[in-house]
Amino acid sequence: MDMKEKARKSMNWFERVLHKIPGFKGYYEKEFRRDADRLQREFIVTKLQGIKESLNQVIQNVSRQKNLALLTEYDLFAKSLQKTTNEIRYADQGYSGFFDLIKIGEDELDMVYEQDALILETTNSFREEFKGLADCPLEPSRLSPLRERLEQIDKLFKQRSALLKGYVKGDTK
């Protein structure tokens, strides 16, 4: 069951009554999708922050080894991870006002929601790969696949932004 379905099932009696008012249903559905999108992004950010906290512990271990070259590599990776986390946290929610040039419709919001689900799936893979790094941090080659995965998350997020700006219609690949 996805986030939208969970939210729909948690409607109280008053929301159900409001949902039956003509014209309100469309407005409510858009708000519903925006809330689901926001919750999905917050969940992704939480997962990325967990990785960042574990990475900070790895960096502390590397600094105790006094391996400055490796410490620099990990520090740069940590900054990239923080940048990605902040971009996702402060992303557009798919709101379009009455006078906005680009209108975000229900179809576009659905595509954004699907893109967020793809980002979450990639984040989960990233998290699993990171667990292997935490076990054996002193090998610099272990960062390469993690950098690639982080770049993949960035790419997916840029595609999400393009959807919200109206640059891409239906193409999420």
C-alpha atoms as a PDB file:
ATOM      1  CA  MET A   1       0.000   0.000   0.000  1.00  0.00           C
ATOM      2  CA  ASP A   2       1.493   3.349  -0.998  1.00  0.00           C
ATOM      3  CA  MET A   3       1.487   6.595   0.949  1.00  0.00           C
ATOM      4  CA  LYS A   4      -1.592   7.975  -0.847  1.00  0.00           C
ATOM      5  CA  GLU A   5      -3.675   4.918   0.022  1.00  0.00           C
ATOM      6  CA  LYS A   6      -2.622   5.060   3.678  1.00  0.00           C
ATOM      7  CA  ALA A   7      -3.580   8.724   3.841  1.00  0.00           C
ATOM      8  CA  ARG A   8      -6.941   8.063   2.175  1.00  0.00           C
ATOM      9  CA  LYS A   9      -7.810   5.356   4.688  1.00  0.00           C
ATOM     10  CA  SER A  10      -6.959   7.664   7.582  1.00  0.00           C
ATOM     11  CA  MET A  11      -9.590  10.293   6.634  1.00  0.00           C
ATOM     12  CA  ASN A  12     -11.910  11.169   9.502  1.00  0.00           C
ATOM     13  CA  TRP A  13     -15.690  11.545   9.159  1.00  0.00           C
ATOM     14  CA  PHE A  14     -15.492  15.310   8.593  1.00  0.00           C
ATOM     15  CA  GLU A  15     -13.019  14.889   5.740  1.00  0.00           C
ATOM     16  CA  ARG A  16     -15.271  12.258   4.186  1.00  0.00           C
ATOM     17  CA  VAL A  17     -18.233  14.664   4.329  1.00  0.00           C
ATOM     18  CA  LEU A  18     -16.169  17.500   2.808  1.00  0.00           C
ATOM     19  CA  HIS A  19     -15.029  15.107   0.101  1.00  0.00           C
ATOM     20  CA  LYS A  20     -18.635  14.849  -1.135  1.00  0.00           C
ATOM     21  CA  ILE A  21     -19.017  18.624  -1.704  1.00  0.00           C
ATOM     22  CA  PRO A  22     -18.948  19.410  -5.440  1.00  0.00           C
ATOM     23  CA  GLY A  23     -15.696  21.073  -6.475  1.00  0.00           C
ATOM     24  CA  PHE A  24     -14.006  20.294  -3.183  1.00  0.00           C
ATOM     25  CA  LYS A  25     -12.945  16.796  -4.160  1.00  0.00           C
ATOM     26  CA  GLY A  26     -10.502  17.977  -6.860  1.00  0.00           C
ATOM     27  CA  TYR A  27      -8.968  20.551  -4.555  1.00  0.00           C
ATOM     28  CA  TYR A  28      -8.707  18.004  -1.762  1.00  0.00           C
ATOM     29  CA  GLU A  29      -7.094  15.396  -4.051  1.00  0.00           C
ATOM     30  CA  LYS A  30      -4.380  17.864  -5.085  1.00  0.00           C
ATOM     31  CA  GLU A  31      -3.655  18.742  -1.463  1.00  0.00           C
ATOM     32  CA  PHE A  32      -3.662  15.058  -0.641  1.00  0.00           C
ATOM     33  CA  ARG A  33      -1.043  14.356  -3.312  1.00  0.00           C
ATOM     34  CA  ARG A  34       1.101  17.263  -2.164  1.00  0.00           C
ATOM     35  CA  ASP A  35       1.015  15.987   1.408  1.00  0.00           C
ATOM     36  CA  ALA A  36       1.877  12.452   0.281  1.00  0.00           C
ATOM     37  CA  ASP A  37       4.750  13.864  -1.790  1.00  0.00           C
ATOM     38  CA  ARG A  38       6.046  15.872   1.169  1.00  0.00           C
ATOM     39  CA  LEU A  39       5.859  12.857   3.483  1.00  0.00           C
ATOM     40  CA  GLN A  40       7.669  10.715   0.918  1.00  0.00           C
ATOM     41  CA  ARG A  41      10.480  13.272   0.619  1.00  0.00           C
ATOM     42  CA  GLU A  42      10.758  13.588   4.404  1.00  0.00           C
ATOM     43  CA  PHE A  43      11.103   9.816   4.615  1.00  0.00           C
ATOM     44  CA  ILE A  44      13.896   9.869   1.997  1.00  0.00           C
ATOM     45  CA  VAL A  45      15.654  12.686   3.879  1.00  0.00           C
ATOM     46  CA  THR A  46      15.458  10.693   7.128  1.00  0.00           C
ATOM     47  CA  LYS A  47      17.123   7.719   5.447  1.00  0.00           C
ATOM     48  CA  LEU A  48      19.862   9.919   3.965  1.00  0.00           C
ATOM     49  CA  GLN A  49      20.446  11.574   7.346  1.00  0.00           C
ATOM     50  CA  GLY A  50      20.902   8.135   8.892  1.00  0.00           C
ATOM     51  CA  ILE A  51      23.587   7.408   6.308  1.00  0.00           C
ATOM     52  CA  LYS A  52      25.209  10.776   7.070  1.00  0.00           C
ATOM     53  CA  GLU A  53      25.336   9.981  10.790  1.00  0.00           C
ATOM     54  CA  SER A  54      26.972   6.620  10.108  1.00  0.00           C
ATOM     55  CA  LEU A  55      29.363   8.301   7.681  1.00  0.00           C
ATOM     56  CA  ASN A  56      30.385  10.743  10.416  1.00  0.00           C
ATOM     57  CA  GLN A  57      31.355   7.771  12.597  1.00  0.00           C
ATOM     58  CA  VAL A  58      33.388   6.316   9.720  1.00  0.00           C
ATOM     59  CA  ILE A  59      35.101   9.690   9.253  1.00  0.00           C
ATOM     60  CA  GLN A  60      35.990   9.761  12.948  1.00  0.00           C
ATOM     61  CA  ASN A  61      37.543   6.305  12.654  1.00  0.00           C
ATOM     62  CA  VAL A  62      39.495   7.345   9.572  1.00  0.00           C
ATOM     63  CA  SER A  63      40.746  10.496  11.337  1.00  0.00           C
ATOM     64  CA  ARG A  64      41.998   8.365  14.241  1.00  0.00           C
ATOM     65  CA  GLN A  65      44.072   6.458  11.683  1.00  0.00           C
ATOM     66  CA  LYS A  66      45.535   9.832  10.577  1.00  0.00           C
ATOM     67  CA  ASN A  67      45.073   8.981   6.928  1.00  0.00           C
ATOM     68  CA  LEU A  68      44.574  12.515   5.582  1.00  0.00           C
ATOM     69  CA  ALA A  69      44.146  11.515   1.932  1.00  0.00           C
ATOM     70  CA  LEU A  70      41.345   9.105   2.787  1.00  0.00           C
ATOM     71  CA  LEU A  71      39.860  11.603   5.237  1.00  0.00           C
ATOM     72  CA  THR A  72      39.645  14.186   2.459  1.00  0.00           C
ATOM     73  CA  GLU A  73      37.865  11.666   0.204  1.00  0.00           C
ATOM     74  CA  TYR A  74      35.310  10.876   2.899  1.00  0.00           C
ATOM     75  CA  ASP A  75      34.804  14.528   3.751  1.00  0.00           C
ATOM     76  CA  LEU A  76      34.072  15.396   0.106  1.00  0.00           C
ATOM     77  CA  PHE A  77      31.649  12.486  -0.065  1.00  0.00           C
ATOM     78  CA  ALA A  78      29.932  13.676   3.137  1.00  0.00           C
ATOM     79  CA  LYS A  79      29.495  17.150   1.637  1.00  0.00           C
ATOM     80  CA  SER A  80      27.946  15.682  -1.526  1.00  0.00           C
ATOM     81  CA  LEU A  81      25.588  13.602   0.586  1.00  0.00           C
ATOM     82  CA  GLN A  82      24.550  16.660   2.604  1.00  0.00           C
ATOM     83  CA  LYS A  83      23.954  18.670  -0.577  1.00  0.00           C
ATOM     84  CA  THR A  84      21.694  15.943  -1.983  1.00  0.00           C
ATOM     85  CA  THR A  85      19.827  15.656   1.313  1.00  0.00           C
ATOM     86  CA  ASN A  86      19.194  19.407   1.430  1.00  0.00           C
ATOM     87  CA  GLU A  87      17.999  19.509  -2.173  1.00  0.00           C
ATOM     88  CA  ILE A  88      15.448  16.802  -1.459  1.00  0.00           C
ATOM     89  CA  ARG A  89      14.386  18.364   1.848  1.00  0.00           C
ATOM     90  CA  TYR A  90      13.756  21.813   0.369  1.00  0.00           C
ATOM     91  CA  ALA A  91      12.357  20.725  -2.992  1.00  0.00           C
ATOM     92  CA  ASP A  92       9.246  22.134  -4.612  1.00  0.00           C
ATOM     93  CA  GLN A  93       6.100  20.366  -3.485  1.00  0.00           C
ATOM     94  CA  GLY A  94       4.200  20.584  -6.699  1.00  0.00           C
ATOM     95  CA  TYR A  95       2.103  23.578  -5.745  1.00  0.00           C
ATOM     96  CA  SER A  96       0.929  25.861  -8.507  1.00  0.00           C
ATOM     97  CA  GLY A  97      -0.935  29.022  -7.668  1.00  0.00           C
ATOM     98  CA  PHE A  98      -3.808  30.502  -9.619  1.00  0.00           C
ATOM     99  CA  PHE A  99      -1.600  32.931 -11.561  1.00  0.00           C
ATOM    100  CA  ASP A 100       1.459  30.683 -11.983  1.00  0.00           C
ATOM    101  CA  LEU A 101       2.737  30.281 -15.516  1.00  0.00           C
ATOM    102  CA  ILE A 102       3.214  26.526 -15.195  1.00  0.00           C
ATOM    103  CA  LYS A 103       0.254  24.631 -13.799  1.00  0.00           C
ATOM    104  CA  ILE A 104       0.886  21.363 -11.984  1.00  0.00           C
ATOM    105  CA  GLY A 105      -1.976  19.026 -12.711  1.00  0.00           C
ATOM    106  CA  GLU A 106      -2.911  15.703 -11.200  1.00  0.00           C
ATOM    107  CA  ASP A 107      -1.075  13.718 -13.875  1.00  0.00           C
ATOM    108  CA  GLU A 108       2.126  15.667 -13.250  1.00  0.00           C
ATOM    109  CA  LEU A 109       1.755  15.204  -9.491  1.00  0.00           C
ATOM    110  CA  ASP A 110       1.366  11.461 -10.061  1.00  0.00           C
ATOM    111  CA  MET A 111       4.564  11.430 -12.126  1.00  0.00           C
ATOM    112  CA  VAL A 112       6.384  13.375  -9.395  1.00  0.00           C
ATOM    113  CA  TYR A 113       5.109  10.899  -6.808  1.00  0.00           C
ATOM    114  CA  GLU A 114       6.371   7.993  -8.934  1.00  0.00           C
ATOM    115  CA  GLN A 115       9.731   9.743  -9.281  1.00  0.00           C
ATOM    116  CA  ASP A 116       9.916  10.115  -5.494  1.00  0.00           C
ATOM    117  CA  ALA A 117       9.206   6.398  -5.138  1.00  0.00           C
ATOM    118  CA  LEU A 118      12.085   5.688  -7.537  1.00  0.00           C
ATOM    119  CA  ILE A 119      14.350   7.976  -5.495  1.00  0.00           C
ATOM    120  CA  LEU A 120      13.320   6.100  -2.341  1.00  0.00           C
ATOM    121  CA  GLU A 121      14.117   2.755  -3.942  1.00  0.00           C
ATOM    122  CA  THR A 122      17.552   4.024  -5.009  1.00  0.00           C
ATOM    123  CA  THR A 123      18.119   5.470  -1.530  1.00  0.00           C
ATOM    124  CA  ASN A 124      17.384   2.072   0.001  1.00  0.00           C
ATOM    125  CA  SER A 125      19.958   0.470  -2.302  1.00  0.00           C
ATOM    126  CA  PHE A 126      22.424   3.221  -1.402  1.00  0.00           C
ATOM    127  CA  ARG A 127      21.833   2.526   2.274  1.00  0.00           C
ATOM    128  CA  GLU A 128      22.492  -1.196   1.852  1.00  0.00           C
ATOM    129  CA  GLU A 129      25.702  -0.516  -0.058  1.00  0.00           C
ATOM    130  CA  PHE A 130      26.795   1.935   2.626  1.00  0.00           C
ATOM    131  CA  LYS A 131      26.541  -0.737   5.325  1.00  0.00           C
ATOM    132  CA  GLY A 132      29.393  -2.569   3.569  1.00  0.00           C
ATOM    133  CA  LEU A 133      31.525   0.597   3.693  1.00  0.00           C
ATOM    134  CA  ALA A 134      30.993   1.050   7.411  1.00  0.00           C
ATOM    135  CA  ASP A 135      32.388  -2.459   8.002  1.00  0.00           C
ATOM    136  CA  CYS A 136      35.582  -1.845   6.031  1.00  0.00           C
ATOM    137  CA  PRO A 137      36.196   1.912   5.694  1.00  0.00           C
ATOM    138  CA  LEU A 138      39.936   1.981   5.024  1.00  0.00           C
ATOM    139  CA  GLU A 139      39.681   0.963   1.397  1.00  0.00           C
ATOM    140  CA  PRO A 140      39.379   4.069  -0.833  1.00  0.00           C
ATOM    141  CA  SER A 141      37.943   2.010  -3.702  1.00  0.00           C
ATOM    142  CA  ARG A 142      34.819   1.377  -1.616  1.00  0.00           C
ATOM    143  CA  LEU A 143      33.659   4.960  -2.160  1.00  0.00           C
ATOM    144  CA  SER A 144      33.371   4.683  -5.965  1.00  0.00           C
ATOM    145  CA  PRO A 145      30.134   2.660  -6.103  1.00  0.00           C
ATOM    146  CA  LEU A 146      28.642   4.868  -3.388  1.00  0.00           C
ATOM    147  CA  ARG A 147      29.490   8.002  -5.367  1.00  0.00           C
ATOM    148  CA  GLU A 148      27.810   6.467  -8.406  1.00  0.00           C
ATOM    149  CA  ARG A 149      24.699   5.662  -6.393  1.00  0.00           C
ATOM    150  CA  LEU A 150      24.599   9.191  -4.967  1.00  0.00           C
ATOM    151  CA  GLU A 151      24.949  10.604  -8.499  1.00  0.00           C
ATOM    152  CA  GLN A 152      22.052   8.371  -9.537  1.00  0.00           C
ATOM    153  CA  ILE A 153      19.908   9.842  -6.732  1.00  0.00           C
ATOM    154  CA  ASP A 154      20.916  13.348  -7.866  1.00  0.00           C
ATOM    155  CA  LYS A 155      19.986  12.539 -11.458  1.00  0.00           C
ATOM    156  CA  LEU A 156      16.586  11.180 -10.430  1.00  0.00           C
ATOM    157  CA  PHE A 157      15.995  14.267  -8.336  1.00  0.00           C
ATOM    158  CA  LYS A 158      16.869  16.573 -11.234  1.00  0.00           C
ATOM    159  CA  GLN A 159      14.355  14.686 -13.360  1.00  0.00           C
ATOM    160  CA  ARG A 160      11.794  15.267 -10.604  1.00  0.00           C
ATOM    161  CA  SER A 161      12.550  18.997 -10.653  1.00  0.00           C
ATOM    162  CA  ALA A 162      12.172  19.030 -14.434  1.00  0.00           C
ATOM    163  CA  LEU A 163       8.736  17.420 -14.070  1.00  0.00           C
ATOM    164  CA  LEU A 164       7.637  20.154 -11.682  1.00  0.00           C
ATOM    165  CA  LYS A 165       8.915  22.888 -13.974  1.00  0.00           C
ATOM    166  CA  GLY A 166       7.048  21.437 -16.923  1.00  0.00           C
ATOM    167  CA  TYR A 167      10.171  20.551 -18.922  1.00  0.00           C
ATOM    168  CA  VAL A 168       9.387  16.863 -19.091  1.00  0.00           C
ATOM    169  CA  LYS A 169       5.974  15.393 -19.763  1.00  0.00           C
ATOM    170  CA  GLY A 170       5.810  11.720 -18.861  1.00  0.00           C
ATOM    171  CA  ASP A 171       9.498  10.923 -19.451  1.00  0.00           C
ATOM    172  CA  THR A 172      11.070   9.866 -16.157  1.00  0.00           C
ATOM    173  CA  LYS A 173      13.928   7.834 -17.550  1.00  0.00           C
END
